[in-house]
């Protein structure tokens, strides 16, 4: 509910206008802040951040052993296989259109 302390009445053309004090413009944001997870210092939305993400992923895979490592390798293999199949099907469909 609006209280008298947060509303400043003013009159424009015979009509009373109420403005809230918290309707001011917000300060401009510079950009997303890096999350500094796993010692990363770059913005995760930049090229440097993506390279650090890949390095952290590779380091995590290197620490795995036994059945977890096997499961991770199978999953990564399936993801890469899906990527390759998508690229191949795209190329084939483009060639068929010509």
N, C-alpha and C. Protein backbone atom coordinates (compact mmCIF):
# COMPACT_ATOMS: atom_id res chain seq x y z
N UNK A 1 0.84 -1.18 0.00
CA UNK A 1 0.00 0.00 0.00
C UNK A 1 0.88 1.23 0.00
N UNK A 2 0.45 2.26 -0.68
CA UNK A 2 1.23 3.48 -0.76
C UNK A 2 1.06 4.29 0.53
N UNK A 3 2.16 4.70 1.05
CA UNK A 3 2.12 5.53 2.26
C UNK A 3 2.52 6.94 1.90
N UNK A 4 2.13 7.91 2.68
CA UNK A 4 2.47 9.30 2.35
C UNK A 4 3.98 9.54 2.26
N UNK A 5 4.79 8.73 2.93
CA UNK A 5 6.24 8.96 2.89
C UNK A 5 6.86 8.51 1.57
N UNK A 6 6.19 7.58 0.87
CA UNK A 6 6.76 7.09 -0.39
C UNK A 6 6.10 7.70 -1.61
N UNK A 7 5.11 8.56 -1.44
CA UNK A 7 4.39 9.14 -2.56
C UNK A 7 4.53 10.65 -2.51
N UNK A 8 4.90 11.25 -3.65
CA UNK A 8 4.97 12.70 -3.71
C UNK A 8 3.92 13.18 -4.71
N UNK A 9 2.87 13.84 -4.25
CA UNK A 9 1.82 14.28 -5.16
C UNK A 9 2.28 15.51 -5.95
N UNK A 10 1.88 15.57 -7.20
CA UNK A 10 2.11 16.76 -8.02
C UNK A 10 0.90 16.91 -8.94
N UNK A 11 0.70 18.11 -9.46
CA UNK A 11 -0.46 18.38 -10.29
C UNK A 11 0.01 18.75 -11.69
N UNK A 12 -0.54 18.04 -12.71
CA UNK A 12 -0.22 18.32 -14.10
C UNK A 12 -1.54 18.47 -14.84
N UNK A 13 -1.79 19.66 -15.35
CA UNK A 13 -3.01 19.91 -16.12
C UNK A 13 -4.27 19.66 -15.32
N UNK A 14 -4.28 19.98 -14.05
CA UNK A 14 -5.46 19.79 -13.22
C UNK A 14 -5.64 18.37 -12.72
N UNK A 15 -4.74 17.46 -13.08
CA UNK A 15 -4.83 16.06 -12.64
C UNK A 15 -3.70 15.81 -11.65
N UNK A 16 -4.05 15.23 -10.55
CA UNK A 16 -3.04 14.95 -9.55
C UNK A 16 -2.33 13.65 -9.89
N UNK A 17 -1.02 13.72 -9.93
CA UNK A 17 -0.18 12.57 -10.28
C UNK A 17 0.57 12.12 -9.02
N UNK A 18 0.63 10.84 -8.80
CA UNK A 18 1.39 10.32 -7.66
C UNK A 18 2.55 9.51 -8.20
N UNK A 19 3.73 9.86 -7.77
CA UNK A 19 4.93 9.15 -8.18
C UNK A 19 5.55 8.47 -6.98
N UNK A 20 5.98 7.26 -7.18
CA UNK A 20 6.64 6.56 -6.09
C UNK A 20 8.11 6.95 -6.07
N UNK A 21 8.66 7.02 -4.86
CA UNK A 21 10.08 7.37 -4.73
C UNK A 21 10.99 6.29 -5.30
N UNK A 22 10.52 5.05 -5.34
CA UNK A 22 11.39 3.97 -5.81
C UNK A 22 11.27 3.73 -7.32
N UNK A 23 10.64 4.63 -8.05
CA UNK A 23 10.53 4.51 -9.50
C UNK A 23 11.71 5.13 -10.24
N UNK A 24 12.76 5.46 -9.54
CA UNK A 24 13.92 6.08 -10.18
C UNK A 24 14.65 5.04 -11.03
N UNK A 25 15.43 5.55 -11.98
CA UNK A 25 16.20 4.65 -12.82
C UNK A 25 17.24 3.91 -11.99
N UNK A 26 17.42 2.64 -12.35
CA UNK A 26 18.44 1.85 -11.68
C UNK A 26 19.80 2.21 -12.28
N UNK A 27 20.86 2.07 -11.50
CA UNK A 27 22.19 2.35 -12.06
C UNK A 27 22.52 1.33 -13.15
N UNK A 28 23.20 1.77 -14.19
CA UNK A 28 23.52 0.85 -15.29
C UNK A 28 24.45 -0.27 -14.81
N UNK A 29 24.18 -1.47 -15.32
CA UNK A 29 25.03 -2.62 -14.98
C UNK A 29 26.16 -2.72 -15.98
N UNK A 30 27.33 -3.01 -15.51
CA UNK A 30 28.49 -3.12 -16.38
C UNK A 30 28.43 -4.41 -17.17
N UNK A 31 28.03 -5.48 -16.57
CA UNK A 31 27.94 -6.76 -17.24
C UNK A 31 27.91 -7.87 -16.22
N UNK A 32 27.81 -9.09 -16.69
CA UNK A 32 27.76 -10.20 -15.74
C UNK A 32 29.08 -10.36 -15.01
N UNK A 33 28.98 -10.68 -13.75
CA UNK A 33 30.18 -10.88 -12.94
C UNK A 33 30.64 -12.33 -13.06
N UNK A 34 31.92 -12.57 -13.13
CA UNK A 34 32.40 -13.95 -13.14
C UNK A 34 32.11 -14.61 -11.80
N UNK A 35 31.90 -15.91 -11.83
CA UNK A 35 31.52 -16.60 -10.61
C UNK A 35 32.72 -17.11 -9.82
N UNK A 36 33.91 -17.05 -10.38
CA UNK A 36 35.14 -17.45 -9.71
C UNK A 36 35.10 -18.89 -9.20
N UNK A 37 34.30 -19.74 -9.83
CA UNK A 37 34.26 -21.14 -9.43
C UNK A 37 35.52 -21.84 -9.91
N UNK A 38 36.03 -22.71 -9.10
CA UNK A 38 37.23 -23.50 -9.39
C UNK A 38 38.42 -22.61 -9.74
N UNK A 39 38.47 -21.44 -9.17
CA UNK A 39 39.61 -20.55 -9.39
C UNK A 39 39.60 -19.84 -10.72
N UNK A 40 38.47 -19.85 -11.41
CA UNK A 40 38.40 -19.15 -12.70
C UNK A 40 38.35 -17.65 -12.45
N UNK A 41 39.04 -16.90 -13.26
CA UNK A 41 39.07 -15.46 -13.09
C UNK A 41 38.40 -14.73 -14.25
N UNK A 42 38.18 -15.39 -15.37
CA UNK A 42 37.60 -14.73 -16.53
C UNK A 42 36.08 -14.80 -16.47
N UNK A 43 35.45 -13.89 -17.18
CA UNK A 43 34.00 -13.89 -17.31
C UNK A 43 33.59 -15.18 -18.03
N UNK A 44 32.66 -15.97 -17.46
CA UNK A 44 32.30 -17.24 -18.11
C UNK A 44 31.61 -17.06 -19.46
N UNK A 45 31.17 -15.85 -19.80
CA UNK A 45 30.53 -15.61 -21.08
C UNK A 45 31.51 -15.12 -22.15
N UNK A 46 32.79 -15.10 -21.85
CA UNK A 46 33.79 -14.66 -22.82
C UNK A 46 34.56 -15.87 -23.34
N UNK A 47 35.40 -15.64 -24.33
CA UNK A 47 36.21 -16.72 -24.89
C UNK A 47 37.16 -17.25 -23.82
N UNK A 48 37.78 -16.36 -23.07
CA UNK A 48 38.67 -16.81 -22.00
C UNK A 48 37.92 -17.65 -20.97
N UNK A 49 36.71 -17.25 -20.66
CA UNK A 49 35.91 -18.01 -19.71
C UNK A 49 35.56 -19.39 -20.24
N UNK A 50 35.24 -19.46 -21.53
CA UNK A 50 34.93 -20.78 -22.11
C UNK A 50 36.16 -21.67 -22.12
N UNK A 51 37.32 -21.10 -22.41
CA UNK A 51 38.54 -21.91 -22.36
C UNK A 51 38.81 -22.41 -20.94
N UNK A 52 38.55 -21.56 -19.96
CA UNK A 52 38.72 -22.00 -18.58
C UNK A 52 37.68 -23.07 -18.21
N UNK A 53 36.48 -22.96 -18.75
CA UNK A 53 35.47 -24.01 -18.52
C UNK A 53 35.93 -25.34 -19.09
N UNK A 54 36.48 -25.32 -20.30
CA UNK A 54 36.98 -26.55 -20.91
C UNK A 54 38.13 -27.13 -20.11
N UNK A 55 39.03 -26.26 -19.64
CA UNK A 55 40.16 -26.74 -18.84
C UNK A 55 39.68 -27.36 -17.53
N UNK A 56 38.68 -26.74 -16.90
CA UNK A 56 38.14 -27.29 -15.64
C UNK A 56 37.44 -28.62 -15.90
N UNK A 57 36.74 -28.73 -17.02
CA UNK A 57 36.07 -29.98 -17.37
C UNK A 57 37.10 -31.08 -17.60
N UNK A 58 38.18 -30.75 -18.33
CA UNK A 58 39.23 -31.74 -18.59
C UNK A 58 39.93 -32.15 -17.31
N UNK A 59 40.18 -31.20 -16.44
CA UNK A 59 40.83 -31.53 -15.16
C UNK A 59 39.92 -32.41 -14.32
N UNK A 60 38.63 -32.17 -14.37
CA UNK A 60 37.69 -33.02 -13.62
C UNK A 60 37.65 -34.43 -14.17
N UNK A 61 37.70 -34.57 -15.50
CA UNK A 61 37.73 -35.91 -16.09
C UNK A 61 39.03 -36.63 -15.75
N UNK A 62 40.13 -35.91 -15.68
CA UNK A 62 41.41 -36.54 -15.38
C UNK A 62 41.45 -37.09 -13.96
N UNK A 63 40.67 -36.51 -13.05
CA UNK A 63 40.67 -36.99 -11.66
C UNK A 63 39.78 -38.20 -11.45
N UNK A 64 38.90 -38.50 -12.42
CA UNK A 64 38.01 -39.65 -12.27
C UNK A 64 38.75 -40.95 -12.49
N UNK A 65 38.26 -42.00 -11.85
CA UNK A 65 38.85 -43.33 -12.05
C UNK A 65 37.77 -44.38 -11.91
N UNK A 66 38.05 -45.55 -12.45
CA UNK A 66 37.13 -46.68 -12.32
C UNK A 66 35.87 -46.52 -13.14
N UNK A 67 34.73 -46.98 -12.58
CA UNK A 67 33.48 -46.95 -13.34
C UNK A 67 32.98 -45.53 -13.64
N UNK A 68 33.31 -44.58 -12.76
CA UNK A 68 32.88 -43.20 -13.04
C UNK A 68 33.60 -42.64 -14.27
N UNK A 69 34.87 -42.96 -14.40
CA UNK A 69 35.63 -42.51 -15.57
C UNK A 69 35.06 -43.14 -16.84
N UNK A 70 34.74 -44.43 -16.76
CA UNK A 70 34.17 -45.13 -17.92
C UNK A 70 32.82 -44.51 -18.30
N UNK A 71 31.98 -44.24 -17.31
CA UNK A 71 30.68 -43.63 -17.58
C UNK A 71 30.84 -42.24 -18.19
N UNK A 72 31.77 -41.46 -17.67
CA UNK A 72 32.00 -40.12 -18.21
C UNK A 72 32.51 -40.20 -19.65
N UNK A 73 33.39 -41.15 -19.93
CA UNK A 73 33.91 -41.29 -21.30
C UNK A 73 32.81 -41.71 -22.25
N UNK A 74 31.92 -42.60 -21.82
CA UNK A 74 30.81 -43.03 -22.67
C UNK A 74 29.88 -41.85 -22.96
N UNK A 75 29.57 -41.07 -21.94
CA UNK A 75 28.67 -39.93 -22.12
C UNK A 75 29.29 -38.89 -23.05
N UNK A 76 30.57 -38.57 -22.84
CA UNK A 76 31.24 -37.61 -23.72
C UNK A 76 31.30 -38.15 -25.14
N UNK A 77 31.55 -39.44 -25.29
CA UNK A 77 31.57 -40.06 -26.61
C UNK A 77 30.22 -39.96 -27.31
N UNK A 78 29.14 -40.20 -26.55
CA UNK A 78 27.80 -40.10 -27.14
C UNK A 78 27.46 -38.66 -27.54
N UNK A 79 27.87 -37.71 -26.74
CA UNK A 79 27.64 -36.30 -27.08
C UNK A 79 28.39 -35.94 -28.36
N UNK A 80 29.64 -36.35 -28.45
CA UNK A 80 30.42 -36.06 -29.66
C UNK A 80 29.86 -36.79 -30.88
N UNK A 81 29.41 -38.03 -30.70
CA UNK A 81 28.79 -38.77 -31.79
C UNK A 81 27.53 -38.05 -32.27
N UNK A 82 26.72 -37.56 -31.34
CA UNK A 82 25.52 -36.81 -31.72
C UNK A 82 25.86 -35.54 -32.48
N UNK A 83 26.93 -34.86 -32.07
CA UNK A 83 27.36 -33.65 -32.78
C UNK A 83 27.79 -33.98 -34.20
N UNK A 84 28.57 -35.03 -34.34
CA UNK A 84 29.05 -35.43 -35.68
C UNK A 84 27.86 -35.84 -36.56
N UNK A 85 26.92 -36.61 -36.00
CA UNK A 85 25.76 -37.01 -36.80
C UNK A 85 24.92 -35.80 -37.22
N UNK A 86 24.76 -34.85 -36.33
CA UNK A 86 23.99 -33.64 -36.68
C UNK A 86 24.67 -32.87 -37.81
N UNK A 87 25.98 -32.77 -37.75
CA UNK A 87 26.72 -32.07 -38.82
C UNK A 87 26.58 -32.83 -40.14
N UNK A 88 26.73 -34.16 -40.08
CA UNK A 88 26.61 -34.95 -41.31
C UNK A 88 25.20 -34.86 -41.91
N UNK A 89 24.17 -34.99 -41.10
CA UNK A 89 22.81 -34.88 -41.62
C UNK A 89 22.55 -33.49 -42.18
N UNK A 90 23.11 -32.47 -41.58
CA UNK A 90 22.94 -31.11 -42.11
C UNK A 90 23.59 -30.97 -43.47
N UNK A 91 24.79 -31.51 -43.60
CA UNK A 91 25.49 -31.44 -44.89
C UNK A 91 24.73 -32.21 -45.95
N UNK A 92 24.27 -33.41 -45.60
CA UNK A 92 23.52 -34.22 -46.57
C UNK A 92 22.24 -33.52 -47.01
N UNK A 93 21.52 -32.92 -46.07
CA UNK A 93 20.27 -32.24 -46.44
C UNK A 93 20.54 -31.00 -47.29
N UNK A 94 21.64 -30.30 -47.03
CA UNK A 94 21.98 -29.14 -47.87
C UNK A 94 22.33 -29.58 -49.27
N UNK A 95 23.09 -30.68 -49.39
CA UNK A 95 23.47 -31.18 -50.71
C UNK A 95 22.23 -31.67 -51.46
N UNK A 96 21.29 -32.31 -50.78
CA UNK A 96 20.07 -32.81 -51.44
C UNK A 96 19.22 -31.67 -51.98
N UNK A 97 19.26 -30.50 -51.32
CA UNK A 97 18.46 -29.37 -51.80
C UNK A 97 19.03 -28.82 -53.10
N UNK A 98 20.34 -28.83 -53.25
CA UNK A 98 20.94 -28.34 -54.48
C UNK A 98 20.64 -29.32 -55.55
